[in-house]
């Protein structure tokens, strides 16, 4: 059985992208909404952009914790067994 290191790295990077995408997407949507709110109301407070994004991203990470751990477990099993 021949293992290609380039394919292994490619697979690991794709898994990292798939796992991070929902969390980063939620931060992007909240950041866009907060920026739109700031543009409409002309409030230029820096913490107003940071705090909601962090809170939503943490909540999404907690909500998806089971899915993330399942994907990581499957990936680790695949890497160690070579299936």
C-alpha atoms as a PDB file:
ATOM      1  CA  UNK A   1       0.000   0.000   0.000  1.00  0.00           C
ATOM      2  CA  UNK A   2       1.533   3.280  -1.145  1.00  0.00           C
ATOM      3  CA  UNK A   3       0.716   6.406   0.890  1.00  0.00           C
ATOM      4  CA  UNK A   4       1.177   9.734  -0.857  1.00  0.00           C
ATOM      5  CA  UNK A   5       2.145  12.526   1.571  1.00  0.00           C
ATOM      6  CA  UNK A   6       0.716  15.198  -0.724  1.00  0.00           C
ATOM      7  CA  UNK A   7      -2.702  13.526  -0.705  1.00  0.00           C
ATOM      8  CA  UNK A   8      -2.538  13.175   3.076  1.00  0.00           C
ATOM      9  CA  UNK A   9      -1.823  16.886   3.538  1.00  0.00           C
ATOM     10  CA  UNK A  10      -4.514  17.775   0.999  1.00  0.00           C
ATOM     11  CA  UNK A  11      -7.056  15.657   2.862  1.00  0.00           C
ATOM     12  CA  UNK A  12      -6.059  17.176   6.222  1.00  0.00           C
ATOM     13  CA  UNK A  13      -6.395  20.721   4.881  1.00  0.00           C
ATOM     14  CA  UNK A  14      -9.796  19.937   3.351  1.00  0.00           C
ATOM     15  CA  UNK A  15     -10.992  18.517   6.674  1.00  0.00           C
ATOM     16  CA  UNK A  16      -9.776  21.649   8.481  1.00  0.00           C
ATOM     17  CA  UNK A  17     -11.623  23.823   5.958  1.00  0.00           C
ATOM     18  CA  UNK A  18     -14.832  21.806   6.264  1.00  0.00           C
ATOM     19  CA  UNK A  19     -14.700  21.947  10.069  1.00  0.00           C
ATOM     20  CA  UNK A  20     -13.956  25.679  10.229  1.00  0.00           C
ATOM     21  CA  UNK A  21     -16.412  26.773   7.537  1.00  0.00           C
ATOM     22  CA  UNK A  22     -19.640  26.838   9.625  1.00  0.00           C
ATOM     23  CA  UNK A  23     -17.972  28.727  12.474  1.00  0.00           C
ATOM     24  CA  UNK A  24     -16.321  31.254  10.188  1.00  0.00           C
ATOM     25  CA  UNK A  25     -19.512  31.588   8.141  1.00  0.00           C
ATOM     26  CA  UNK A  26     -21.509  32.457  11.247  1.00  0.00           C
ATOM     27  CA  UNK A  27     -18.897  35.073  12.179  1.00  0.00           C
ATOM     28  CA  UNK A  28     -19.060  36.493   8.669  1.00  0.00           C
ATOM     29  CA  UNK A  29     -22.856  36.808   8.713  1.00  0.00           C
ATOM     30  CA  UNK A  30     -22.898  38.416  12.166  1.00  0.00           C
ATOM     31  CA  UNK A  31     -20.059  40.762  11.215  1.00  0.00           C
ATOM     32  CA  UNK A  32     -21.927  41.827   8.099  1.00  0.00           C
ATOM     33  CA  UNK A  33     -25.122  42.478  10.063  1.00  0.00           C
ATOM     34  CA  UNK A  34     -23.277  44.455  12.744  1.00  0.00           C
ATOM     35  CA  UNK A  35     -21.411  46.476  10.105  1.00  0.00           C
ATOM     36  CA  UNK A  36     -24.676  47.260   8.356  1.00  0.00           C
ATOM     37  CA  UNK A  37     -26.178  48.315  11.693  1.00  0.00           C
ATOM     38  CA  UNK A  38     -23.159  50.536  12.380  1.00  0.00           C
ATOM     39  CA  UNK A  39     -23.387  52.136   8.940  1.00  0.00           C
ATOM     40  CA  UNK A  40     -27.091  52.877   9.362  1.00  0.00           C
ATOM     41  CA  UNK A  41     -26.830  54.281  12.890  1.00  0.00           C
ATOM     42  CA  UNK A  42     -23.328  55.784  12.461  1.00  0.00           C
ATOM     43  CA  UNK A  43     -22.138  54.148  15.684  1.00  0.00           C
ATOM     44  CA  UNK A  44     -18.403  53.472  15.404  1.00  0.00           C
ATOM     45  CA  UNK A  45     -17.738  51.413  18.522  1.00  0.00           C
ATOM     46  CA  UNK A  46     -15.008  48.772  18.085  1.00  0.00           C
ATOM     47  CA  UNK A  47     -16.332  46.398  20.733  1.00  0.00           C
ATOM     48  CA  UNK A  48     -19.708  46.342  18.985  1.00  0.00           C
ATOM     49  CA  UNK A  49     -18.151  44.426  16.096  1.00  0.00           C
ATOM     50  CA  UNK A  50     -15.969  42.105  18.170  1.00  0.00           C
ATOM     51  CA  UNK A  51     -18.218  40.867  20.979  1.00  0.00           C
ATOM     52  CA  UNK A  52     -21.244  39.612  18.951  1.00  0.00           C
ATOM     53  CA  UNK A  53     -18.992  37.784  16.489  1.00  0.00           C
ATOM     54  CA  UNK A  54     -17.090  36.004  19.267  1.00  0.00           C
ATOM     55  CA  UNK A  55     -20.276  35.066  21.117  1.00  0.00           C
ATOM     56  CA  UNK A  56     -21.964  33.668  17.993  1.00  0.00           C
ATOM     57  CA  UNK A  57     -18.848  31.801  16.890  1.00  0.00           C
ATOM     58  CA  UNK A  58     -18.497  30.191  20.333  1.00  0.00           C
ATOM     59  CA  UNK A  59     -22.185  29.220  20.353  1.00  0.00           C
ATOM     60  CA  UNK A  60     -21.911  27.693  16.868  1.00  0.00           C
ATOM     61  CA  UNK A  61     -18.774  25.788  17.901  1.00  0.00           C
ATOM     62  CA  UNK A  62     -20.579  24.421  20.966  1.00  0.00           C
ATOM     63  CA  UNK A  63     -23.636  23.505  18.904  1.00  0.00           C
ATOM     64  CA  UNK A  64     -21.517  21.673  16.325  1.00  0.00           C
ATOM     65  CA  UNK A  65     -19.170  20.032  18.815  1.00  0.00           C
ATOM     66  CA  UNK A  66     -20.636  16.566  18.264  1.00  0.00           C
ATOM     67  CA  UNK A  67     -20.360  16.841  14.489  1.00  0.00           C
ATOM     68  CA  UNK A  68     -16.827  18.219  14.682  1.00  0.00           C
ATOM     69  CA  UNK A  69     -15.645  15.463  17.015  1.00  0.00           C
ATOM     70  CA  UNK A  70     -17.258  12.800  14.808  1.00  0.00           C
ATOM     71  CA  UNK A  71     -15.529  14.164  11.682  1.00  0.00           C
ATOM     72  CA  UNK A  72     -12.183  14.385  13.500  1.00  0.00           C
ATOM     73  CA  UNK A  73     -12.575  10.864  14.856  1.00  0.00           C
ATOM     74  CA  UNK A  74     -13.387   9.493  11.410  1.00  0.00           C
ATOM     75  CA  UNK A  75     -10.443  11.335   9.922  1.00  0.00           C
ATOM     76  CA  UNK A  76      -8.051  10.078  12.606  1.00  0.00           C
ATOM     77  CA  UNK A  77      -9.309   6.516  12.128  1.00  0.00           C
ATOM     78  CA  UNK A  78      -8.809   6.838   8.375  1.00  0.00           C
ATOM     79  CA  UNK A  79      -5.290   8.203   8.810  1.00  0.00           C
ATOM     80  CA  UNK A  80      -4.174   5.546  11.287  1.00  0.00           C
ATOM     81  CA  UNK A  81      -5.720   2.575   9.519  1.00  0.00           C
ATOM     82  CA  UNK A  82      -5.063   3.707   5.962  1.00  0.00           C
ATOM     83  CA  UNK A  83      -8.578   2.906   4.747  1.00  0.00           C
END
